[in-house]
PDB file of N, CA and C in Angstrom:
ATOM      1  N   UNK A   1     235.652 -70.195 -77.758  1.00  0.00           N
ATOM      2  CA  UNK A   1     234.716 -70.052 -78.857  1.00  0.00           C
ATOM      3  C   UNK A   1     233.565 -69.269 -78.459  1.00  0.00           C
ATOM      4  N   UNK A   2     233.203 -68.250 -79.139  1.00  0.00           N
ATOM      5  CA  UNK A   2     232.019 -67.451 -78.780  1.00  0.00           C
ATOM      6  C   UNK A   2     231.259 -67.045 -80.112  1.00  0.00           C
ATOM      7  N   UNK A   3     229.940 -67.203 -80.062  1.00  0.00           N
ATOM      8  CA  UNK A   3     229.105 -66.732 -81.109  1.00  0.00           C
ATOM      9  C   UNK A   3     228.229 -65.627 -80.559  1.00  0.00           C
ATOM     10  N   UNK A   4     228.596 -64.417 -80.758  1.00  0.00           N
ATOM     11  CA  UNK A   4     227.917 -63.267 -80.060  1.00  0.00           C
ATOM     12  C   UNK A   4     226.443 -63.080 -80.628  1.00  0.00           C
ATOM     13  N   UNK A   5     225.616 -63.965 -80.342  1.00  0.00           N
ATOM     14  CA  UNK A   5     224.241 -63.859 -80.748  1.00  0.00           C
ATOM     15  C   UNK A   5     223.422 -62.896 -79.874  1.00  0.00           C
ATOM     16  N   UNK A   6     222.167 -62.824 -80.124  1.00  0.00           N
ATOM     17  CA  UNK A   6     221.250 -61.930 -79.323  1.00  0.00           C
ATOM     18  C   UNK A   6     221.319 -62.145 -77.792  1.00  0.00           C
ATOM     19  N   UNK A   7     221.510 -63.394 -77.513  1.00  0.00           N
ATOM     20  CA  UNK A   7     221.498 -63.751 -76.096  1.00  0.00           C
ATOM     21  C   UNK A   7     222.865 -64.184 -75.498  1.00  0.00           C
ATOM     22  N   UNK A   8     223.904 -63.406 -76.013  1.00  0.00           N
ATOM     23  CA  UNK A   8     225.253 -63.775 -75.522  1.00  0.00           C
ATOM     24  C   UNK A   8     225.409 -63.597 -74.053  1.00  0.00           C
ATOM     25  N   UNK A   9     224.718 -62.587 -73.445  1.00  0.00           N
ATOM     26  CA  UNK A   9     224.882 -62.269 -72.059  1.00  0.00           C
ATOM     27  C   UNK A   9     224.321 -63.451 -71.241  1.00  0.00           C
ATOM     28  N   UNK A  10     223.121 -63.953 -71.658  1.00  0.00           N
ATOM     29  CA  UNK A  10     222.474 -65.060 -70.916  1.00  0.00           C
ATOM     30  C   UNK A  10     223.312 -66.357 -71.080  1.00  0.00           C
ATOM     31  N   UNK A  11     223.911 -66.482 -72.250  1.00  0.00           N
ATOM     32  CA  UNK A  11     224.714 -67.675 -72.559  1.00  0.00           C
ATOM     33  C   UNK A  11     226.011 -67.666 -71.581  1.00  0.00           C
ATOM     34  N   UNK A  12     226.558 -66.506 -71.460  1.00  0.00           N
ATOM     35  CA  UNK A  12     227.702 -66.316 -70.568  1.00  0.00           C
ATOM     36  C   UNK A  12     227.329 -66.713 -69.093  1.00  0.00           C
ATOM     37  N   UNK A  13     226.155 -66.196 -68.698  1.00  0.00           N
ATOM     38  CA  UNK A  13     225.683 -66.591 -67.289  1.00  0.00           C
ATOM     39  C   UNK A  13     225.609 -68.103 -67.191  1.00  0.00           C
ATOM     40  N   UNK A  14     224.973 -68.758 -68.141  1.00  0.00           N
ATOM     41  CA  UNK A  14     224.826 -70.213 -68.153  1.00  0.00           C
ATOM     42  C   UNK A  14     226.161 -70.924 -68.175  1.00  0.00           C
ATOM     43  N   UNK A  15     227.099 -70.473 -69.007  1.00  0.00           N
ATOM     44  CA  UNK A  15     228.417 -71.091 -69.084  1.00  0.00           C
ATOM     45  C   UNK A  15     229.167 -70.972 -67.820  1.00  0.00           C
ATOM     46  N   UNK A  16     229.204 -69.764 -67.178  1.00  0.00           N
ATOM     47  CA  UNK A  16     229.892 -69.587 -65.957  1.00  0.00           C
ATOM     48  C   UNK A  16     229.226 -70.280 -64.789  1.00  0.00           C
ATOM     49  N   UNK A  17     227.928 -70.366 -64.741  1.00  0.00           N
ATOM     50  CA  UNK A  17     227.203 -70.991 -63.653  1.00  0.00           C
ATOM     51  C   UNK A  17     227.370 -72.547 -63.702  1.00  0.00           C
ATOM     52  N   UNK A  18     227.501 -73.092 -64.910  1.00  0.00           N
ATOM     53  CA  UNK A  18     227.634 -74.525 -65.045  1.00  0.00           C
ATOM     54  C   UNK A  18     229.046 -75.048 -65.184  1.00  0.00           C
ATOM     55  N   UNK A  19     229.996 -74.110 -65.543  1.00  0.00           N
ATOM     56  CA  UNK A  19     231.393 -74.461 -65.853  1.00  0.00           C
ATOM     57  C   UNK A  19     231.351 -75.404 -66.995  1.00  0.00           C
ATOM     58  N   UNK A  20     230.417 -75.241 -67.908  1.00  0.00           N
ATOM     59  CA  UNK A  20     230.322 -76.214 -69.033  1.00  0.00           C
ATOM     60  C   UNK A  20     231.339 -76.016 -70.096  1.00  0.00           C
ATOM     61  N   UNK A  21     231.692 -77.057 -70.734  1.00  0.00           N
ATOM     62  CA  UNK A  21     232.730 -77.073 -71.879  1.00  0.00           C
ATOM     63  C   UNK A  21     232.105 -76.334 -73.020  1.00  0.00           C
ATOM     64  N   UNK A  22     230.855 -76.545 -73.290  1.00  0.00           N
ATOM     65  CA  UNK A  22     230.127 -75.896 -74.458  1.00  0.00           C
ATOM     66  C   UNK A  22     228.731 -75.646 -73.999  1.00  0.00           C
ATOM     67  N   UNK A  23     228.285 -74.394 -74.288  1.00  0.00           N
ATOM     68  CA  UNK A  23     226.891 -74.020 -73.970  1.00  0.00           C
ATOM     69  C   UNK A  23     226.215 -73.580 -75.258  1.00  0.00           C
ATOM     70  N   UNK A  24     225.073 -74.174 -75.506  1.00  0.00           N
ATOM     71  CA  UNK A  24     224.288 -73.783 -76.676  1.00  0.00           C
ATOM     72  C   UNK A  24     222.955 -73.290 -76.106  1.00  0.00           C
ATOM     73  N   UNK A  25     222.656 -71.959 -76.310  1.00  0.00           N
ATOM     74  CA  UNK A  25     221.421 -71.394 -75.781  1.00  0.00           C
ATOM     75  C   UNK A  25     220.523 -71.014 -76.962  1.00  0.00           C
ATOM     76  N   UNK A  26     219.369 -71.609 -76.943  1.00  0.00           N
ATOM     77  CA  UNK A  26     218.392 -71.322 -77.981  1.00  0.00           C
ATOM     78  C   UNK A  26     217.107 -70.724 -77.326  1.00  0.00           C
ATOM     79  N   UNK A  27     216.748 -69.503 -77.766  1.00  0.00           N
ATOM     80  CA  UNK A  27     215.508 -68.806 -77.209  1.00  0.00           C
ATOM     81  C   UNK A  27     214.540 -68.649 -78.368  1.00  0.00           C
ATOM     82  N   UNK A  28     213.309 -69.096 -78.072  1.00  0.00           N
ATOM     83  CA  UNK A  28     212.190 -68.866 -78.999  1.00  0.00           C
ATOM     84  C   UNK A  28     211.197 -67.901 -78.364  1.00  0.00           C
ATOM     85  N   UNK A  29     211.020 -66.837 -79.112  1.00  0.00           N
ATOM     86  CA  UNK A  29     210.052 -65.790 -78.591  1.00  0.00           C
ATOM     87  C   UNK A  29     210.497 -65.093 -77.354  1.00  0.00           C
ATOM     88  N   UNK A  30     211.748 -64.820 -77.153  1.00  0.00           N
ATOM     89  CA  UNK A  30     212.320 -64.111 -76.023  1.00  0.00           C
ATOM     90  C   UNK A  30     212.098 -62.619 -76.109  1.00  0.00           C
ATOM     91  N   UNK A  31     212.590 -61.895 -75.104  1.00  0.00           N
ATOM     92  CA  UNK A  31     212.405 -60.457 -75.150  1.00  0.00           C
ATOM     93  C   UNK A  31     213.225 -59.766 -76.190  1.00  0.00           C
ATOM     94  N   UNK A  32     214.186 -60.445 -76.849  1.00  0.00           N
ATOM     95  CA  UNK A  32     214.896 -59.942 -77.948  1.00  0.00           C
ATOM     96  C   UNK A  32     214.597 -60.667 -79.264  1.00  0.00           C
ATOM     97  N   UNK A  33     213.381 -61.325 -79.249  1.00  0.00           N
ATOM     98  CA  UNK A  33     213.006 -62.214 -80.336  1.00  0.00           C
ATOM     99  C   UNK A  33     213.661 -63.573 -80.161  1.00  0.00           C
ATOM    100  N   UNK A  34     213.621 -64.312 -81.239  1.00  0.00           N
ATOM    101  CA  UNK A  34     214.147 -65.682 -81.275  1.00  0.00           C
ATOM    102  C   UNK A  34     215.638 -65.566 -81.712  1.00  0.00           C
ATOM    103  N   UNK A  35     216.459 -66.393 -81.143  1.00  0.00           N
ATOM    104  CA  UNK A  35     217.920 -66.391 -81.468  1.00  0.00           C
ATOM    105  C   UNK A  35     218.601 -67.443 -80.727  1.00  0.00           C
ATOM    106  N   UNK A  36     219.942 -67.474 -80.906  1.00  0.00           N
ATOM    107  CA  UNK A  36     220.773 -68.420 -80.197  1.00  0.00           C
ATOM    108  C   UNK A  36     222.191 -67.818 -79.946  1.00  0.00           C
ATOM    109  N   UNK A  37     222.851 -68.428 -79.014  1.00  0.00           N
ATOM    110  CA  UNK A  37     224.240 -68.037 -78.754  1.00  0.00           C
ATOM    111  C   UNK A  37     224.990 -69.365 -78.432  1.00  0.00           C
ATOM    112  N   UNK A  38     226.229 -69.425 -78.755  1.00  0.00           N
ATOM    113  CA  UNK A  38     227.118 -70.584 -78.535  1.00  0.00           C
ATOM    114  C   UNK A  38     228.392 -70.086 -77.877  1.00  0.00           C
ATOM    115  N   UNK A  39     228.768 -70.723 -76.813  1.00  0.00           N
ATOM    116  CA  UNK A  39     230.031 -70.406 -76.150  1.00  0.00           C
ATOM    117  C   UNK A  39     230.680 -71.684 -75.645  1.00  0.00           C
ATOM    118  N   UNK A  40     232.014 -71.736 -75.754  1.00  0.00           N
ATOM    119  CA  UNK A  40     232.774 -72.881 -75.328  1.00  0.00           C
ATOM    120  C   UNK A  40     234.108 -72.414 -74.747  1.00  0.00           C
ATOM    121  N   UNK A  41     234.664 -73.282 -73.895  1.00  0.00           N
ATOM    122  CA  UNK A  41     235.996 -72.981 -73.338  1.00  0.00           C
ATOM    123  C   UNK A  41     237.069 -73.021 -74.446  1.00  0.00           C
ATOM    124  N   UNK A  42     236.818 -73.823 -75.446  1.00  0.00           N
ATOM    125  CA  UNK A  42     237.810 -73.987 -76.539  1.00  0.00           C
ATOM    126  C   UNK A  42     236.996 -73.995 -77.857  1.00  0.00           C
ATOM    127  N   UNK A  43     237.675 -73.932 -78.923  1.00  0.00           N
ATOM    128  CA  UNK A  43     236.969 -74.066 -80.214  1.00  0.00           C
ATOM    129  C   UNK A  43     236.511 -75.527 -80.371  1.00  0.00           C
ATOM    130  N   UNK A  44     235.280 -75.620 -80.837  1.00  0.00           N
ATOM    131  CA  UNK A  44     234.706 -76.926 -81.068  1.00  0.00           C
ATOM    132  C   UNK A  44     234.455 -77.036 -82.553  1.00  0.00           C
ATOM    133  N   UNK A  45     234.681 -78.202 -83.171  1.00  0.00           N
ATOM    134  CA  UNK A  45     234.306 -78.389 -84.548  1.00  0.00           C
ATOM    135  C   UNK A  45     232.799 -78.213 -84.694  1.00  0.00           C
ATOM    136  N   UNK A  46     232.386 -77.679 -85.822  1.00  0.00           N
ATOM    137  CA  UNK A  46     231.045 -77.452 -86.036  1.00  0.00           C
ATOM    138  C   UNK A  46     230.233 -78.817 -86.025  1.00  0.00           C
ATOM    139  N   UNK A  47     230.839 -79.963 -86.329  1.00  0.00           N
ATOM    140  CA  UNK A  47     230.224 -81.254 -86.240  1.00  0.00           C
ATOM    141  C   UNK A  47     229.744 -81.567 -84.836  1.00  0.00           C
ATOM    142  N   UNK A  48     230.565 -81.161 -83.843  1.00  0.00           N
ATOM    143  CA  UNK A  48     230.249 -81.428 -82.388  1.00  0.00           C
ATOM    144  C   UNK A  48     228.919 -80.692 -82.084  1.00  0.00           C
ATOM    145  N   UNK A  49     228.825 -79.448 -82.535  1.00  0.00           N
ATOM    146  CA  UNK A  49     227.638 -78.634 -82.253  1.00  0.00           C
ATOM    147  C   UNK A  49     226.414 -79.251 -82.949  1.00  0.00           C
ATOM    148  N   UNK A  50     226.576 -79.610 -84.167  1.00  0.00           N
ATOM    149  CA  UNK A  50     225.492 -80.162 -84.995  1.00  0.00           C
ATOM    150  C   UNK A  50     225.035 -81.527 -84.355  1.00  0.00           C
ATOM    151  N   UNK A  51     226.055 -82.411 -84.022  1.00  0.00           N
ATOM    152  CA  UNK A  51     225.687 -83.660 -83.328  1.00  0.00           C
ATOM    153  C   UNK A  51     224.994 -83.468 -82.010  1.00  0.00           C
ATOM    154  N   UNK A  52     225.442 -82.434 -81.230  1.00  0.00           N
ATOM    155  CA  UNK A  52     224.833 -82.229 -79.968  1.00  0.00           C
ATOM    156  C   UNK A  52     223.310 -81.703 -80.125  1.00  0.00           C
ATOM    157  N   UNK A  53     223.097 -80.816 -81.123  1.00  0.00           N
ATOM    158  CA  UNK A  53     221.744 -80.388 -81.371  1.00  0.00           C
ATOM    159  C   UNK A  53     220.872 -81.567 -81.843  1.00  0.00           C
ATOM    160  N   UNK A  54     221.399 -82.361 -82.758  1.00  0.00           N
ATOM    161  CA  UNK A  54     220.671 -83.570 -83.217  1.00  0.00           C
ATOM    162  C   UNK A  54     220.302 -84.540 -82.085  1.00  0.00           C
ATOM    163  N   UNK A  55     221.218 -84.709 -81.192  1.00  0.00           N
ATOM    164  CA  UNK A  55     220.963 -85.594 -80.056  1.00  0.00           C
ATOM    165  C   UNK A  55     219.847 -84.976 -79.145  1.00  0.00           C
ATOM    166  N   UNK A  56     219.886 -83.726 -78.921  1.00  0.00           N
ATOM    167  CA  UNK A  56     218.881 -83.122 -78.140  1.00  0.00           C
ATOM    168  C   UNK A  56     217.540 -83.183 -78.866  1.00  0.00           C
ATOM    169  N   UNK A  57     217.469 -82.926 -80.148  1.00  0.00           N
ATOM    170  CA  UNK A  57     216.212 -83.030 -80.952  1.00  0.00           C
ATOM    171  C   UNK A  57     215.674 -84.417 -80.830  1.00  0.00           C
ATOM    172  N   UNK A  58     216.567 -85.474 -81.030  1.00  0.00           N
ATOM    173  CA  UNK A  58     216.090 -86.826 -80.961  1.00  0.00           C
ATOM    174  C   UNK A  58     215.574 -87.188 -79.622  1.00  0.00           C
ATOM    175  N   UNK A  59     216.131 -86.722 -78.538  1.00  0.00           N
ATOM    176  CA  UNK A  59     215.627 -87.015 -77.204  1.00  0.00           C
ATOM    177  C   UNK A  59     214.299 -86.343 -76.973  1.00  0.00           C
ATOM    178  N   UNK A  60     214.125 -85.092 -77.373  1.00  0.00           N
ATOM    179  CA  UNK A  60     212.874 -84.417 -77.252  1.00  0.00           C
ATOM    180  C   UNK A  60     211.747 -85.156 -78.058  1.00  0.00           C
ATOM    181  N   UNK A  61     212.075 -85.592 -79.259  1.00  0.00           N
ATOM    182  CA  UNK A  61     211.105 -86.329 -80.048  1.00  0.00           C
ATOM    183  C   UNK A  61     210.750 -87.655 -79.383  1.00  0.00           C
ATOM    184  N   UNK A  62     211.729 -88.348 -78.862  1.00  0.00           N
ATOM    185  CA  UNK A  62     211.517 -89.613 -78.229  1.00  0.00           C
ATOM    186  C   UNK A  62     210.579 -89.426 -76.962  1.00  0.00           C
ATOM    187  N   UNK A  63     210.817 -88.371 -76.166  1.00  0.00           N
ATOM    188  CA  UNK A  63     209.949 -88.075 -75.007  1.00  0.00           C
ATOM    189  C   UNK A  63     208.596 -87.701 -75.495  1.00  0.00           C
ATOM    190  N   UNK A  64     208.519 -86.903 -76.516  1.00  0.00           N
ATOM    191  CA  UNK A  64     207.255 -86.452 -77.032  1.00  0.00           C
ATOM    192  C   UNK A  64     206.387 -87.580 -77.527  1.00  0.00           C
ATOM    193  N   UNK A  65     206.996 -88.503 -78.261  1.00  0.00           N
ATOM    194  CA  UNK A  65     206.251 -89.659 -78.807  1.00  0.00           C
ATOM    195  C   UNK A  65     205.850 -90.618 -77.743  1.00  0.00           C
ATOM    196  N   UNK A  66     206.614 -90.684 -76.645  1.00  0.00           N
ATOM    197  CA  UNK A  66     206.280 -91.586 -75.535  1.00  0.00           C
ATOM    198  C   UNK A  66     205.095 -91.072 -74.678  1.00  0.00           C
ATOM    199  N   UNK A  67     204.865 -89.740 -74.795  1.00  0.00           N
ATOM    200  CA  UNK A  67     203.876 -89.171 -73.877  1.00  0.00           C
ATOM    201  C   UNK A  67     202.985 -88.187 -74.585  1.00  0.00           C
ATOM    202  N   UNK A  68     202.316 -88.503 -75.667  1.00  0.00           N
ATOM    203  CA  UNK A  68     201.410 -87.527 -76.282  1.00  0.00           C
ATOM    204  C   UNK A  68     200.156 -87.403 -75.401  1.00  0.00           C
ATOM    205  N   UNK A  69     199.903 -86.222 -74.964  1.00  0.00           N
ATOM    206  CA  UNK A  69     198.891 -85.977 -73.928  1.00  0.00           C
ATOM    207  C   UNK A  69     198.106 -84.643 -74.151  1.00  0.00           C
ATOM    208  N   UNK A  70     197.271 -84.377 -73.274  1.00  0.00           N
ATOM    209  CA  UNK A  70     196.439 -83.163 -73.388  1.00  0.00           C
ATOM    210  C   UNK A  70     196.653 -82.260 -72.197  1.00  0.00           C
ATOM    211  N   UNK A  71     197.721 -82.463 -71.452  1.00  0.00           N
ATOM    212  CA  UNK A  71     197.948 -81.644 -70.254  1.00  0.00           C
ATOM    213  C   UNK A  71     199.395 -81.033 -70.321  1.00  0.00           C
ATOM    214  N   UNK A  72     199.677 -80.142 -69.367  1.00  0.00           N
ATOM    215  CA  UNK A  72     201.049 -79.655 -69.281  1.00  0.00           C
ATOM    216  C   UNK A  72     202.029 -80.655 -68.734  1.00  0.00           C
ATOM    217  N   UNK A  73     201.580 -81.829 -68.451  1.00  0.00           N
ATOM    218  CA  UNK A  73     202.512 -82.886 -67.998  1.00  0.00           C
ATOM    219  C   UNK A  73     203.224 -83.566 -69.101  1.00  0.00           C
ATOM    220  N   UNK A  74     202.976 -83.168 -70.349  1.00  0.00           N
ATOM    221  CA  UNK A  74     203.575 -83.913 -71.443  1.00  0.00           C
ATOM    222  C   UNK A  74     205.058 -83.538 -71.563  1.00  0.00           C
ATOM    223  N   UNK A  75     205.901 -84.359 -72.164  1.00  0.00           N
ATOM    224  CA  UNK A  75     207.340 -84.182 -72.221  1.00  0.00           C
ATOM    225  C   UNK A  75     207.628 -82.922 -73.014  1.00  0.00           C
ATOM    226  N   UNK A  76     206.911 -82.601 -74.064  1.00  0.00           N
ATOM    227  CA  UNK A  76     207.211 -81.436 -74.916  1.00  0.00           C
ATOM    228  C   UNK A  76     206.990 -80.170 -74.051  1.00  0.00           C
ATOM    229  N   UNK A  77     206.010 -80.150 -73.265  1.00  0.00           N
ATOM    230  CA  UNK A  77     205.719 -78.974 -72.350  1.00  0.00           C
ATOM    231  C   UNK A  77     206.835 -78.796 -71.374  1.00  0.00           C
ATOM    232  N   UNK A  78     207.296 -79.874 -70.770  1.00  0.00           N
ATOM    233  CA  UNK A  78     208.322 -79.798 -69.751  1.00  0.00           C
ATOM    234  C   UNK A  78     209.614 -79.315 -70.345  1.00  0.00           C
ATOM    235  N   UNK A  79     209.852 -79.630 -71.526  1.00  0.00           N
ATOM    236  CA  UNK A  79     211.107 -79.202 -72.194  1.00  0.00           C
ATOM    237  C   UNK A  79     211.106 -77.829 -72.752  1.00  0.00           C
ATOM    238  N   UNK A  80     209.973 -77.431 -73.366  1.00  0.00           N
ATOM    239  CA  UNK A  80     209.962 -76.257 -74.163  1.00  0.00           C
ATOM    240  C   UNK A  80     208.763 -75.279 -73.756  1.00  0.00           C
ATOM    241  N   UNK A  81     208.040 -75.549 -72.678  1.00  0.00           N
ATOM    242  CA  UNK A  81     206.918 -74.735 -72.329  1.00  0.00           C
ATOM    243  C   UNK A  81     205.722 -75.143 -73.189  1.00  0.00           C
ATOM    244  N   UNK A  82     204.668 -74.312 -73.257  1.00  0.00           N
ATOM    245  CA  UNK A  82     203.530 -74.617 -74.026  1.00  0.00           C
ATOM    246  C   UNK A  82     203.865 -74.890 -75.483  1.00  0.00           C
ATOM    247  N   UNK A  83     203.085 -75.805 -76.059  1.00  0.00           N
ATOM    248  CA  UNK A  83     203.370 -76.109 -77.503  1.00  0.00           C
ATOM    249  C   UNK A  83     203.351 -74.847 -78.376  1.00  0.00           C
ATOM    250  N   UNK A  84     204.470 -74.603 -78.992  1.00  0.00           N
ATOM    251  CA  UNK A  84     204.494 -73.431 -80.004  1.00  0.00           C
ATOM    252  C   UNK A  84     203.954 -73.800 -81.307  1.00  0.00           C
ATOM    253  N   UNK A  85     202.634 -73.571 -81.549  1.00  0.00           N
ATOM    254  CA  UNK A  85     202.079 -74.065 -82.855  1.00  0.00           C
ATOM    255  C   UNK A  85     202.701 -73.490 -84.115  1.00  0.00           C
ATOM    256  N   UNK A  86     203.330 -72.339 -83.971  1.00  0.00           N
ATOM    257  CA  UNK A  86     203.970 -71.749 -85.161  1.00  0.00           C
ATOM    258  C   UNK A  86     205.190 -72.466 -85.529  1.00  0.00           C
ATOM    259  N   UNK A  87     205.802 -73.242 -84.565  1.00  0.00           N
ATOM    260  CA  UNK A  87     207.046 -73.908 -84.841  1.00  0.00           C
ATOM    261  C   UNK A  87     206.844 -75.425 -85.016  1.00  0.00           C
ATOM    262  N   UNK A  88     205.858 -76.010 -84.423  1.00  0.00           N
ATOM    263  CA  UNK A  88     205.721 -77.436 -84.499  1.00  0.00           C
ATOM    264  C   UNK A  88     204.267 -77.819 -84.186  1.00  0.00           C
ATOM    265  N   UNK A  89     203.732 -78.806 -84.969  1.00  0.00           N
ATOM    266  CA  UNK A  89     202.359 -79.215 -84.714  1.00  0.00           C
ATOM    267  C   UNK A  89     202.257 -79.813 -83.337  1.00  0.00           C
ATOM    268  N   UNK A  90     201.274 -79.482 -82.589  1.00  0.00           N
ATOM    269  CA  UNK A  90     201.025 -79.912 -81.193  1.00  0.00           C
ATOM    270  C   UNK A  90     200.649 -81.472 -81.259  1.00  0.00           C
ATOM    271  N   UNK A  91     201.541 -82.245 -80.693  1.00  0.00           N
ATOM    272  CA  UNK A  91     201.306 -83.707 -80.726  1.00  0.00           C
ATOM    273  C   UNK A  91     200.154 -84.198 -79.890  1.00  0.00           C
ATOM    274  N   UNK A  92     199.701 -83.284 -79.014  1.00  0.00           N
ATOM    275  CA  UNK A  92     198.687 -83.645 -78.078  1.00  0.00           C
ATOM    276  C   UNK A  92     197.292 -83.352 -78.608  1.00  0.00           C
ATOM    277  N   UNK A  93     197.154 -82.877 -79.791  1.00  0.00           N
ATOM    278  CA  UNK A  93     195.881 -82.707 -80.375  1.00  0.00           C
ATOM    279  C   UNK A  93     195.664 -81.257 -80.728  1.00  0.00           C
TER     280      UNK A  93
END
C-alpha cells in the first residue's frame, strides 16, 4: 500500500529504516509545505489507519494535559516541536 503524497520519499526512508508494517508520515510546515504519506507492506483497511491516528492523537492530548507548562520541556513540544499556534491553541499559555 502506498499513498504517493508530497513526502513519499521520506516515508520510504522511514519504512525501510524501521521495517515497519505501516508508516504514516505527517509533516506540518515542511520544505514542501504540509502533507502526509502512507506506506505499508500490505494493504491496510482504512479503519486501521484512522484508529492508529486516533490513538496517536489521544496519546498526545493525554501527555499535553498532564504537563501544561511554559517551557520546551512540555509533552507537546517534545512530540511536535514548538507549539504551532495556527494549528492548535498553545496549552501552556
